[in-house]
N, C-alpha and C. Protein backbone atom coordinates (compact mmCIF):
# COMPACT_ATOMS: atom_id res chain seq x y z
N UNK A 1 114.17 78.56 20.31
CA UNK A 1 113.18 79.43 19.68
C UNK A 1 113.83 80.74 19.26
N UNK A 2 113.64 81.12 18.02
CA UNK A 2 114.22 82.39 17.56
C UNK A 2 113.36 83.55 18.01
N UNK A 3 114.00 84.69 18.19
CA UNK A 3 113.32 85.93 18.58
C UNK A 3 113.72 87.01 17.59
N UNK A 4 112.94 88.12 17.52
CA UNK A 4 113.23 89.14 16.52
C UNK A 4 114.68 89.64 16.51
N UNK A 5 115.28 89.77 17.69
CA UNK A 5 116.64 90.30 17.75
C UNK A 5 117.63 89.38 17.05
N UNK A 6 117.30 88.09 16.93
CA UNK A 6 118.20 87.17 16.21
C UNK A 6 118.39 87.62 14.76
N UNK A 7 117.37 88.20 14.16
CA UNK A 7 117.49 88.70 12.79
C UNK A 7 118.48 89.85 12.73
N UNK A 8 118.45 90.71 13.74
CA UNK A 8 119.38 91.85 13.78
C UNK A 8 120.81 91.36 13.95
N UNK A 9 121.00 90.42 14.87
CA UNK A 9 122.35 89.90 15.07
C UNK A 9 122.89 89.28 13.80
N UNK A 10 122.03 88.59 13.07
CA UNK A 10 122.45 87.92 11.84
C UNK A 10 122.89 88.93 10.78
N UNK A 11 122.08 89.94 10.53
CA UNK A 11 122.46 90.90 9.48
C UNK A 11 123.65 91.75 9.93
N UNK A 12 123.77 92.00 11.22
CA UNK A 12 124.96 92.72 11.70
C UNK A 12 126.22 91.93 11.38
N UNK A 13 126.16 90.61 11.55
CA UNK A 13 127.32 89.79 11.22
C UNK A 13 127.61 89.81 9.72
N UNK A 14 126.56 89.89 8.91
CA UNK A 14 126.76 90.00 7.46
C UNK A 14 127.46 91.31 7.11
N UNK A 15 127.05 92.40 7.74
CA UNK A 15 127.71 93.68 7.51
C UNK A 15 129.19 93.61 7.92
N UNK A 16 129.44 92.99 9.05
CA UNK A 16 130.82 92.89 9.54
C UNK A 16 131.71 92.17 8.52
N UNK A 17 131.22 91.03 8.04
CA UNK A 17 132.04 90.24 7.13
C UNK A 17 132.28 90.96 5.82
N UNK A 18 131.22 91.54 5.24
CA UNK A 18 131.37 92.19 3.94
C UNK A 18 132.28 93.40 4.06
N UNK A 19 132.10 94.20 5.12
CA UNK A 19 132.94 95.39 5.27
C UNK A 19 134.39 95.01 5.50
N UNK A 20 134.64 93.94 6.24
CA UNK A 20 136.02 93.49 6.46
C UNK A 20 136.66 93.08 5.15
N UNK A 21 135.92 92.40 4.30
CA UNK A 21 136.46 91.99 3.00
C UNK A 21 136.70 93.18 2.09
N UNK A 22 135.78 94.12 2.11
CA UNK A 22 135.94 95.33 1.29
C UNK A 22 137.15 96.13 1.75
N UNK A 23 137.31 96.27 3.06
CA UNK A 23 138.44 97.03 3.59
C UNK A 23 139.76 96.36 3.25
N UNK A 24 139.82 95.03 3.39
CA UNK A 24 141.04 94.31 3.05
C UNK A 24 141.37 94.47 1.57
N UNK A 25 140.34 94.45 0.73
CA UNK A 25 140.56 94.61 -0.71
C UNK A 25 141.04 96.01 -1.04
N UNK A 26 140.51 97.02 -0.36
CA UNK A 26 140.95 98.40 -0.60
C UNK A 26 142.43 98.55 -0.27
N UNK A 27 142.87 97.93 0.81
CA UNK A 27 144.29 97.99 1.17
C UNK A 27 145.14 97.24 0.14
N UNK A 28 144.68 96.05 -0.27
CA UNK A 28 145.41 95.29 -1.29
C UNK A 28 145.53 96.09 -2.58
N UNK A 29 144.47 96.77 -2.94
CA UNK A 29 144.47 97.56 -4.17
C UNK A 29 145.49 98.69 -4.08
N UNK A 30 145.55 99.33 -2.93
CA UNK A 30 146.51 100.42 -2.73
C UNK A 30 147.95 99.90 -2.78
N UNK A 31 148.13 98.63 -2.45
CA UNK A 31 149.45 98.02 -2.48
C UNK A 31 149.81 97.46 -3.85
N UNK A 32 148.91 97.63 -4.82
CA UNK A 32 149.23 97.24 -6.18
C UNK A 32 148.60 95.95 -6.66
N UNK A 33 147.76 95.33 -5.86
CA UNK A 33 147.10 94.09 -6.27
C UNK A 33 145.82 94.45 -7.02
N UNK A 34 145.90 94.56 -8.32
CA UNK A 34 144.76 95.03 -9.12
C UNK A 34 143.58 94.06 -9.09
N UNK A 35 143.83 92.79 -8.81
CA UNK A 35 142.74 91.81 -8.80
C UNK A 35 141.77 92.06 -7.64
N UNK A 36 142.21 92.80 -6.64
CA UNK A 36 141.34 93.10 -5.50
C UNK A 36 140.19 94.02 -5.87
N UNK A 37 140.29 94.65 -7.05
CA UNK A 37 139.24 95.59 -7.46
C UNK A 37 137.89 94.92 -7.59
N UNK A 38 137.85 93.62 -7.84
CA UNK A 38 136.57 92.93 -8.00
C UNK A 38 135.74 93.02 -6.73
N UNK A 39 136.40 93.00 -5.58
CA UNK A 39 135.66 93.08 -4.31
C UNK A 39 135.03 94.46 -4.15
N UNK A 40 135.72 95.49 -4.61
CA UNK A 40 135.21 96.85 -4.48
C UNK A 40 133.95 97.09 -5.30
N UNK A 41 133.69 96.23 -6.28
CA UNK A 41 132.46 96.38 -7.05
C UNK A 41 131.22 96.13 -6.20
N UNK A 42 131.41 95.51 -5.02
CA UNK A 42 130.28 95.26 -4.12
C UNK A 42 129.88 96.51 -3.33
N UNK A 43 130.70 97.54 -3.39
CA UNK A 43 130.44 98.72 -2.56
C UNK A 43 129.04 99.32 -2.73
N UNK A 44 128.56 99.55 -3.97
CA UNK A 44 127.23 100.18 -4.10
C UNK A 44 126.12 99.35 -3.45
N UNK A 45 126.16 98.03 -3.66
CA UNK A 45 125.10 97.21 -3.07
C UNK A 45 125.23 97.17 -1.55
N UNK A 46 126.45 97.05 -1.06
CA UNK A 46 126.67 97.08 0.39
C UNK A 46 126.08 98.35 0.98
N UNK A 47 126.31 99.47 0.32
CA UNK A 47 125.80 100.75 0.80
C UNK A 47 124.27 100.78 0.78
N UNK A 48 123.68 100.20 -0.26
CA UNK A 48 122.22 100.17 -0.34
C UNK A 48 121.62 99.38 0.82
N UNK A 49 122.17 98.19 1.09
CA UNK A 49 121.64 97.37 2.17
C UNK A 49 121.82 98.06 3.51
N UNK A 50 122.98 98.67 3.71
CA UNK A 50 123.24 99.40 4.96
C UNK A 50 122.25 100.55 5.12
N UNK A 51 121.93 101.21 4.02
CA UNK A 51 120.98 102.33 4.06
C UNK A 51 119.57 101.83 4.36
N UNK A 52 119.16 100.72 3.72
CA UNK A 52 117.84 100.15 4.03
C UNK A 52 117.75 99.80 5.51
N UNK A 53 118.82 99.20 6.01
CA UNK A 53 118.85 98.79 7.42
C UNK A 53 118.73 100.00 8.34
N UNK A 54 119.49 101.04 8.08
CA UNK A 54 119.47 102.24 8.92
C UNK A 54 118.11 102.92 8.88
N UNK A 55 117.55 103.05 7.68
CA UNK A 55 116.24 103.69 7.56
C UNK A 55 115.16 102.86 8.24
N UNK A 56 115.29 101.54 8.16
CA UNK A 56 114.33 100.68 8.84
C UNK A 56 114.41 100.82 10.35
N UNK A 57 115.62 100.91 10.87
CA UNK A 57 115.79 101.13 12.31
C UNK A 57 115.15 102.45 12.72
N UNK A 58 115.39 103.47 11.94
CA UNK A 58 114.88 104.80 12.30
C UNK A 58 113.36 104.86 12.21
N UNK A 59 112.78 104.07 11.31
CA UNK A 59 111.32 104.08 11.16
C UNK A 59 110.62 103.16 12.14
N UNK A 60 111.23 102.01 12.46
CA UNK A 60 110.55 101.02 13.27
C UNK A 60 111.10 100.82 14.67
N UNK A 61 112.40 100.64 14.76
CA UNK A 61 113.02 100.30 16.05
C UNK A 61 113.18 101.51 16.96
N UNK A 62 113.69 102.60 16.42
CA UNK A 62 113.98 103.75 17.27
C UNK A 62 112.72 104.35 17.91
N UNK A 63 111.60 104.52 17.18
CA UNK A 63 110.39 105.03 17.84
C UNK A 63 109.89 104.10 18.95
N UNK A 64 109.98 102.78 18.74
CA UNK A 64 109.56 101.85 19.78
C UNK A 64 110.46 101.97 21.00
N UNK A 65 111.75 102.15 20.77
CA UNK A 65 112.70 102.27 21.86
C UNK A 65 112.49 103.56 22.65
N UNK A 66 112.11 104.61 21.95
CA UNK A 66 111.92 105.91 22.59
C UNK A 66 110.86 105.83 23.70
N UNK A 67 109.89 104.94 23.54
CA UNK A 67 108.81 104.82 24.53
C UNK A 67 109.30 104.24 25.85
N UNK A 68 110.32 103.42 25.80
CA UNK A 68 110.79 102.74 27.02
C UNK A 68 112.16 103.23 27.49
N UNK A 69 112.90 103.90 26.60
CA UNK A 69 114.23 104.41 26.94
C UNK A 69 114.45 105.72 26.20
N UNK A 70 113.81 106.79 26.65
CA UNK A 70 113.93 108.07 25.95
C UNK A 70 115.38 108.52 25.82
N UNK A 71 115.66 109.14 24.68
CA UNK A 71 116.96 109.77 24.42
C UNK A 71 118.10 108.79 24.19
N UNK A 72 117.79 107.50 24.04
CA UNK A 72 118.85 106.53 23.73
C UNK A 72 119.13 106.49 22.23
N UNK A 73 118.07 106.45 21.43
CA UNK A 73 118.24 106.20 19.99
C UNK A 73 118.90 107.36 19.25
N UNK A 74 118.81 108.56 19.79
CA UNK A 74 119.32 109.72 19.04
C UNK A 74 120.81 109.57 18.73
N UNK A 75 121.56 108.98 19.67
CA UNK A 75 123.00 108.82 19.45
C UNK A 75 123.27 107.85 18.30
N UNK A 76 122.43 106.83 18.16
CA UNK A 76 122.61 105.86 17.09
C UNK A 76 122.18 106.43 15.75
N UNK A 77 121.18 107.31 15.78
CA UNK A 77 120.80 107.99 14.54
C UNK A 77 121.95 108.87 14.05
N UNK A 78 122.65 109.50 14.95
CA UNK A 78 123.81 110.32 14.56
C UNK A 78 124.95 109.44 14.05
N UNK A 79 125.07 108.25 14.60
CA UNK A 79 126.02 107.29 14.02
C UNK A 79 125.69 107.02 12.56
N UNK A 80 124.40 106.87 12.28
CA UNK A 80 123.97 106.60 10.90
C UNK A 80 124.41 107.72 9.96
N UNK A 81 124.26 108.96 10.41
CA UNK A 81 124.68 110.07 9.56
C UNK A 81 126.20 110.06 9.38
N UNK A 82 126.92 109.66 10.42
CA UNK A 82 128.36 109.54 10.28
C UNK A 82 128.75 108.45 9.31
N UNK A 83 128.02 107.33 9.32
CA UNK A 83 128.26 106.26 8.36
C UNK A 83 127.98 106.73 6.94
N UNK A 84 126.92 107.52 6.78
CA UNK A 84 126.61 108.09 5.45
C UNK A 84 127.80 108.92 4.95
N UNK A 85 128.32 109.75 5.82
CA UNK A 85 129.45 110.60 5.44
C UNK A 85 130.69 109.77 5.12
N UNK A 86 130.94 108.75 5.95
CA UNK A 86 132.12 107.91 5.73
C UNK A 86 132.01 107.14 4.41
N UNK A 87 130.82 106.65 4.09
CA UNK A 87 130.65 105.96 2.82
C UNK A 87 130.82 106.94 1.66
N UNK A 88 130.29 108.15 1.81
CA UNK A 88 130.45 109.15 0.76
C UNK A 88 131.91 109.42 0.46
N UNK A 89 132.72 109.52 1.50
CA UNK A 89 134.16 109.74 1.32
C UNK A 89 134.80 108.57 0.59
N UNK A 90 134.40 107.36 0.96
CA UNK A 90 134.96 106.16 0.31
C UNK A 90 134.54 106.09 -1.15
N UNK A 91 133.29 106.34 -1.41
CA UNK A 91 132.80 106.26 -2.78
C UNK A 91 133.46 107.30 -3.68
N UNK A 92 133.63 108.52 -3.17
CA UNK A 92 134.28 109.57 -3.96
C UNK A 92 135.73 109.20 -4.24
N UNK A 93 136.42 108.69 -3.24
CA UNK A 93 137.83 108.33 -3.42
C UNK A 93 137.99 107.24 -4.47
N UNK A 94 137.12 106.23 -4.40
CA UNK A 94 137.22 105.14 -5.35
C UNK A 94 136.81 105.57 -6.75
N UNK A 95 135.79 106.40 -6.85
CA UNK A 95 135.37 106.92 -8.15
C UNK A 95 136.49 107.71 -8.80
N UNK A 96 137.25 108.46 -7.98
CA UNK A 96 138.38 109.25 -8.48
C UNK A 96 139.63 108.41 -8.71
N UNK A 97 139.55 107.11 -8.36
CA UNK A 97 140.68 106.18 -8.48
C UNK A 97 141.91 106.65 -7.69
N UNK A 98 141.62 107.30 -6.57
CA UNK A 98 142.68 107.66 -5.62
C UNK A 98 142.80 106.48 -4.66
N UNK A 99 143.69 105.54 -4.98
CA UNK A 99 143.71 104.27 -4.27
C UNK A 99 144.20 104.40 -2.83
N UNK A 100 145.13 105.32 -2.59
CA UNK A 100 145.59 105.53 -1.22
C UNK A 100 144.46 106.10 -0.36
N UNK A 101 143.78 107.11 -0.88
CA UNK A 101 142.68 107.70 -0.13
C UNK A 101 141.52 106.71 0.01
N UNK A 102 141.34 105.86 -0.99
CA UNK A 102 140.31 104.82 -0.90
C UNK A 102 140.58 103.90 0.28
N UNK A 103 141.85 103.49 0.43
CA UNK A 103 142.21 102.62 1.55
C UNK A 103 141.99 103.32 2.89
N UNK A 104 142.35 104.60 2.95
CA UNK A 104 142.15 105.37 4.18
C UNK A 104 140.66 105.51 4.51
N UNK A 105 139.87 105.83 3.49
CA UNK A 105 138.43 106.01 3.70
C UNK A 105 137.75 104.70 4.06
N UNK A 106 138.21 103.62 3.45
CA UNK A 106 137.65 102.30 3.77
C UNK A 106 137.96 101.92 5.22
N UNK A 107 139.17 102.17 5.66
CA UNK A 107 139.54 101.86 7.04
C UNK A 107 138.69 102.67 8.02
N UNK A 108 138.42 103.92 7.67
CA UNK A 108 137.61 104.77 8.55
C UNK A 108 136.17 104.24 8.63
N UNK A 109 135.59 103.88 7.47
CA UNK A 109 134.23 103.34 7.46
C UNK A 109 134.17 102.02 8.23
N UNK A 110 135.16 101.16 8.01
CA UNK A 110 135.20 99.87 8.70
C UNK A 110 135.23 100.06 10.21
N UNK A 111 136.09 100.94 10.68
CA UNK A 111 136.22 101.18 12.12
C UNK A 111 134.92 101.73 12.69
N UNK A 112 134.33 102.71 12.03
CA UNK A 112 133.09 103.33 12.51
C UNK A 112 131.97 102.30 12.55
N UNK A 113 131.88 101.49 11.51
CA UNK A 113 130.81 100.50 11.44
C UNK A 113 130.96 99.44 12.53
N UNK A 114 132.20 98.98 12.75
CA UNK A 114 132.43 97.98 13.80
C UNK A 114 131.99 98.50 15.17
N UNK A 115 132.38 99.72 15.48
CA UNK A 115 132.02 100.30 16.78
C UNK A 115 130.51 100.47 16.88
N UNK A 116 129.89 100.95 15.81
CA UNK A 116 128.44 101.18 15.81
C UNK A 116 127.67 99.88 16.03
N UNK A 117 128.02 98.84 15.29
CA UNK A 117 127.32 97.56 15.41
C UNK A 117 127.53 96.94 16.79
N UNK A 118 128.75 97.07 17.31
CA UNK A 118 129.03 96.52 18.64
C UNK A 118 128.19 97.23 19.70
N UNK A 119 128.06 98.54 19.60
CA UNK A 119 127.25 99.29 20.56
C UNK A 119 125.78 98.89 20.44
N UNK A 120 125.30 98.76 19.21
CA UNK A 120 123.90 98.35 19.05
C UNK A 120 123.64 96.99 19.66
N UNK A 121 124.54 96.03 19.40
CA UNK A 121 124.34 94.68 19.93
C UNK A 121 124.37 94.66 21.46
N UNK A 122 125.33 95.38 22.04
CA UNK A 122 125.53 95.32 23.49
C UNK A 122 124.59 96.23 24.26
N UNK A 123 124.08 97.27 23.62
CA UNK A 123 123.33 98.29 24.35
C UNK A 123 121.92 98.47 23.80
N UNK A 124 121.82 98.99 22.58
CA UNK A 124 120.51 99.35 22.04
C UNK A 124 119.58 98.14 21.93
N UNK A 125 120.07 97.05 21.33
CA UNK A 125 119.18 95.90 21.14
C UNK A 125 119.01 95.07 22.41
N UNK A 126 119.88 95.24 23.38
CA UNK A 126 119.63 94.61 24.69
C UNK A 126 118.43 95.28 25.36
N UNK A 127 118.40 96.62 25.30
CA UNK A 127 117.26 97.35 25.85
C UNK A 127 116.00 96.99 25.07
N UNK A 128 116.12 96.94 23.77
CA UNK A 128 114.98 96.59 22.91
C UNK A 128 114.40 95.24 23.30
N UNK A 129 115.26 94.25 23.48
CA UNK A 129 114.80 92.89 23.79
C UNK A 129 114.23 92.78 25.20
N UNK A 130 114.80 93.53 26.14
CA UNK A 130 114.40 93.39 27.54
C UNK A 130 113.19 94.23 27.93
N UNK A 131 112.99 95.36 27.28
CA UNK A 131 111.96 96.29 27.75
C UNK A 131 110.74 96.40 26.83
N UNK A 132 110.84 95.92 25.62
CA UNK A 132 109.73 96.03 24.68
C UNK A 132 109.04 94.68 24.55
N UNK A 133 107.72 94.63 24.70
CA UNK A 133 107.01 93.36 24.57
C UNK A 133 107.26 92.71 23.22
N UNK A 134 107.21 91.38 23.19
CA UNK A 134 107.54 90.64 21.98
C UNK A 134 106.66 91.05 20.80
N UNK A 135 105.38 91.29 21.06
CA UNK A 135 104.49 91.69 19.96
C UNK A 135 104.93 93.02 19.36
N UNK A 136 105.39 93.94 20.22
CA UNK A 136 105.87 95.24 19.73
C UNK A 136 107.21 95.09 19.02
N UNK A 137 108.05 94.18 19.49
CA UNK A 137 109.30 93.92 18.78
C UNK A 137 109.03 93.45 17.35
N UNK A 138 108.09 92.51 17.22
CA UNK A 138 107.75 91.99 15.90
C UNK A 138 107.19 93.10 15.00
N UNK A 139 106.36 93.95 15.58
CA UNK A 139 105.81 95.07 14.81
C UNK A 139 106.92 96.01 14.33
N UNK A 140 107.86 96.31 15.22
CA UNK A 140 108.96 97.22 14.87
C UNK A 140 109.81 96.63 13.76
N UNK A 141 110.09 95.32 13.84
CA UNK A 141 110.91 94.70 12.81
C UNK A 141 110.14 94.55 11.50
N UNK A 142 108.81 94.45 11.59
CA UNK A 142 108.00 94.45 10.37
C UNK A 142 108.11 95.77 9.65
N UNK A 143 108.05 96.86 10.39
CA UNK A 143 108.24 98.20 9.80
C UNK A 143 109.64 98.31 9.22
N UNK A 144 110.61 97.78 9.94
CA UNK A 144 112.00 97.83 9.50
C UNK A 144 112.19 97.09 8.18
N UNK A 145 111.61 95.90 8.08
CA UNK A 145 111.79 95.10 6.87
C UNK A 145 111.14 95.75 5.65
N UNK A 146 110.12 96.59 5.87
CA UNK A 146 109.45 97.26 4.76
C UNK A 146 110.34 98.29 4.08
N UNK A 147 111.48 98.61 4.69
CA UNK A 147 112.40 99.57 4.07
C UNK A 147 113.14 98.96 2.87
N UNK A 148 113.12 97.63 2.77
CA UNK A 148 113.76 96.95 1.64
C UNK A 148 112.80 96.94 0.46
N UNK A 149 113.18 97.49 -0.68
CA UNK A 149 112.29 97.45 -1.86
C UNK A 149 111.92 96.00 -2.19
N UNK A 150 110.65 95.76 -2.42
CA UNK A 150 110.18 94.40 -2.63
C UNK A 150 110.91 93.71 -3.77
N UNK A 151 111.19 94.47 -4.83
CA UNK A 151 111.83 93.89 -6.00
C UNK A 151 113.32 93.58 -5.77
N UNK A 152 113.86 94.03 -4.64
CA UNK A 152 115.27 93.79 -4.33
C UNK A 152 115.45 92.76 -3.21
N UNK A 153 114.34 92.24 -2.69
CA UNK A 153 114.42 91.39 -1.51
C UNK A 153 115.26 90.14 -1.75
N UNK A 154 115.04 89.45 -2.86
CA UNK A 154 115.79 88.23 -3.12
C UNK A 154 117.27 88.51 -3.32
N UNK A 155 117.57 89.66 -3.87
CA UNK A 155 118.98 90.07 -4.02
C UNK A 155 119.63 90.23 -2.65
N UNK A 156 118.87 90.82 -1.71
CA UNK A 156 119.40 90.98 -0.37
C UNK A 156 119.55 89.63 0.33
N UNK A 157 118.59 88.72 0.11
CA UNK A 157 118.68 87.38 0.70
C UNK A 157 119.96 86.69 0.24
N UNK A 158 120.25 86.77 -1.06
CA UNK A 158 121.45 86.13 -1.60
C UNK A 158 122.71 86.68 -0.94
N UNK A 159 122.78 88.01 -0.81
CA UNK A 159 123.94 88.63 -0.16
C UNK A 159 124.03 88.19 1.30
N UNK A 160 122.91 88.28 2.01
CA UNK A 160 122.87 88.00 3.45
C UNK A 160 123.33 86.57 3.74
N UNK A 161 122.74 85.61 3.06
CA UNK A 161 123.05 84.20 3.31
C UNK A 161 124.51 83.90 2.97
N UNK A 162 125.04 84.57 1.95
CA UNK A 162 126.43 84.32 1.55
C UNK A 162 127.43 84.85 2.56
N UNK A 163 126.99 85.77 3.43
CA UNK A 163 127.91 86.45 4.33
C UNK A 163 127.92 85.92 5.76
N UNK A 164 127.02 84.98 6.09
CA UNK A 164 126.94 84.54 7.48
C UNK A 164 127.12 83.03 7.60
N UNK A 165 127.39 82.59 8.82
CA UNK A 165 127.58 81.17 9.09
C UNK A 165 126.26 80.44 9.29
N UNK A 166 126.36 79.16 9.59
CA UNK A 166 125.17 78.32 9.64
C UNK A 166 124.20 78.70 10.76
N UNK A 167 124.70 79.12 11.91
CA UNK A 167 123.80 79.49 13.00
C UNK A 167 122.99 80.73 12.64
N UNK A 168 123.67 81.74 12.08
CA UNK A 168 122.95 82.94 11.65
C UNK A 168 121.99 82.61 10.51
N UNK A 169 122.40 81.72 9.61
CA UNK A 169 121.50 81.31 8.55
C UNK A 169 120.25 80.64 9.11
N UNK A 170 120.47 79.73 10.03
CA UNK A 170 119.33 79.01 10.61
C UNK A 170 118.36 79.99 11.27
N UNK A 171 118.88 80.94 12.03
CA UNK A 171 118.01 81.88 12.73
C UNK A 171 117.17 82.71 11.78
N UNK A 172 117.80 83.27 10.75
CA UNK A 172 117.04 84.14 9.87
C UNK A 172 116.09 83.33 8.99
N UNK A 173 116.49 82.12 8.60
CA UNK A 173 115.59 81.29 7.80
C UNK A 173 114.34 80.92 8.61
N UNK A 174 114.52 80.59 9.89
CA UNK A 174 113.37 80.27 10.73
C UNK A 174 112.43 81.47 10.85
N UNK A 175 113.00 82.66 10.95
CA UNK A 175 112.17 83.87 11.02
C UNK A 175 111.44 84.09 9.70
N UNK A 176 112.14 83.94 8.58
CA UNK A 176 111.47 84.09 7.28
C UNK A 176 110.36 83.06 7.11
N UNK A 177 110.57 81.83 7.58
CA UNK A 177 109.54 80.81 7.51
C UNK A 177 108.27 81.26 8.21
N UNK A 178 108.44 81.96 9.33
CA UNK A 178 107.29 82.38 10.14
C UNK A 178 106.56 83.59 9.56
N UNK A 179 107.29 84.49 8.92
CA UNK A 179 106.68 85.78 8.56
C UNK A 179 106.37 85.95 7.08
N UNK A 180 107.01 85.19 6.21
CA UNK A 180 106.81 85.38 4.78
C UNK A 180 105.65 84.53 4.27
N UNK A 181 104.89 85.04 3.29
CA UNK A 181 103.88 84.21 2.65
C UNK A 181 104.53 82.99 2.01
N UNK A 182 103.85 81.86 1.95
CA UNK A 182 104.45 80.62 1.44
C UNK A 182 105.09 80.76 0.06
N UNK A 183 104.42 81.49 -0.84
CA UNK A 183 104.98 81.61 -2.19
C UNK A 183 106.26 82.44 -2.21
N UNK A 184 106.35 83.42 -1.31
CA UNK A 184 107.57 84.23 -1.22
C UNK A 184 108.68 83.39 -0.58
N UNK A 185 108.34 82.65 0.47
CA UNK A 185 109.36 81.83 1.10
C UNK A 185 109.89 80.77 0.15
N UNK A 186 109.04 80.27 -0.74
CA UNK A 186 109.50 79.28 -1.72
C UNK A 186 110.59 79.88 -2.61
N UNK A 187 110.44 81.14 -2.99
CA UNK A 187 111.46 81.81 -3.79
C UNK A 187 112.74 82.02 -2.97
N UNK A 188 112.55 82.39 -1.71
CA UNK A 188 113.69 82.58 -0.81
C UNK A 188 114.45 81.26 -0.64
N UNK A 189 113.71 80.17 -0.49
CA UNK A 189 114.31 78.85 -0.32
C UNK A 189 115.20 78.50 -1.52
N UNK A 190 114.76 78.80 -2.71
CA UNK A 190 115.55 78.52 -3.91
C UNK A 190 116.86 79.29 -3.89
N UNK A 191 116.79 80.55 -3.50
CA UNK A 191 118.01 81.37 -3.43
C UNK A 191 118.97 80.81 -2.40
N UNK A 192 118.43 80.44 -1.23
CA UNK A 192 119.28 79.90 -0.16
C UNK A 192 119.97 78.62 -0.60
N UNK A 193 119.23 77.74 -1.26
CA UNK A 193 119.81 76.47 -1.71
C UNK A 193 120.93 76.73 -2.70
N UNK A 194 120.74 77.69 -3.59
CA UNK A 194 121.77 78.02 -4.58
C UNK A 194 123.01 78.58 -3.90
N UNK A 195 122.82 79.46 -2.94
CA UNK A 195 123.95 80.14 -2.30
C UNK A 195 124.74 79.20 -1.40
N UNK A 196 124.05 78.34 -0.67
CA UNK A 196 124.73 77.54 0.35
C UNK A 196 125.46 76.33 -0.19
N UNK A 197 125.11 75.86 -1.38
CA UNK A 197 125.84 74.73 -1.96
C UNK A 197 125.84 73.51 -1.06
N UNK A 198 127.02 73.04 -0.70
CA UNK A 198 127.13 71.84 0.13
C UNK A 198 126.62 72.04 1.54
N UNK A 199 126.49 73.28 1.98
CA UNK A 199 125.97 73.55 3.32
C UNK A 199 124.45 73.36 3.39
N UNK A 200 123.81 73.23 2.24
CA UNK A 200 122.35 73.09 2.21
C UNK A 200 121.89 71.86 3.00
N UNK A 201 122.58 70.76 2.87
CA UNK A 201 122.19 69.52 3.56
C UNK A 201 122.19 69.73 5.07
N UNK A 202 123.20 70.42 5.57
CA UNK A 202 123.28 70.71 7.01
C UNK A 202 122.12 71.60 7.44
N UNK A 203 121.75 72.56 6.60
CA UNK A 203 120.62 73.43 6.93
C UNK A 203 119.31 72.65 7.00
N UNK A 204 119.11 71.72 6.08
CA UNK A 204 117.89 70.91 6.12
C UNK A 204 117.86 70.01 7.34
N UNK A 205 119.02 69.61 7.84
CA UNK A 205 119.06 68.83 9.09
C UNK A 205 118.69 69.71 10.28
N UNK A 206 119.19 70.95 10.27
CA UNK A 206 118.89 71.87 11.35
C UNK A 206 117.43 72.32 11.34
N UNK A 207 116.88 72.47 10.12
CA UNK A 207 115.52 73.01 9.98
C UNK A 207 114.67 71.97 9.25
N UNK A 208 114.11 71.01 9.96
CA UNK A 208 113.29 69.98 9.30
C UNK A 208 112.14 70.62 8.52
N UNK A 209 111.91 70.11 7.33
CA UNK A 209 110.86 70.66 6.49
C UNK A 209 111.31 71.78 5.58
N UNK A 210 112.57 72.18 5.70
CA UNK A 210 113.08 73.26 4.85
C UNK A 210 113.03 72.84 3.39
């Protein structure tokens, strides 16, 4: 049975994979591999999704957590501001085509993000899962999901599914099945089938009725 925190673990893994690829491309670019620039074009969208995620946590998850574990969330909110600053440095460096500084800024953002996500998984969301009733968890994640602009949701689905493995896909798809209106899930299903290609058959085996 999937639980709300499974959605968080899934998108955290998507962030990890995309940031690792972006960081590797930034280093390749600094070393003279111009073809790596195509990966850096994902930076603006990556930043948007990360921002939606952070704002959703601050609006939905952190207030719920404050009721059961006061003064825990403030440190993670400050991490978010640090991530904002780190992305700003990376974006400015790349816009200026300073490839060495781009690689340095990318490495800094990658390191900060890895540490932040690891802390959230091991600490913040463990407290969230253990101390907050399931109904309140679902409410908090509902508020969190509302931070994604409705007209961009399918775009985020395409990115998310492309960045995670089959177990993470299965978990988030099962959650979407439960919470999305049927007509919206039908659109999501089309995107997933397109993105997963040959993996689609395995997903339908894992999720009967998909």
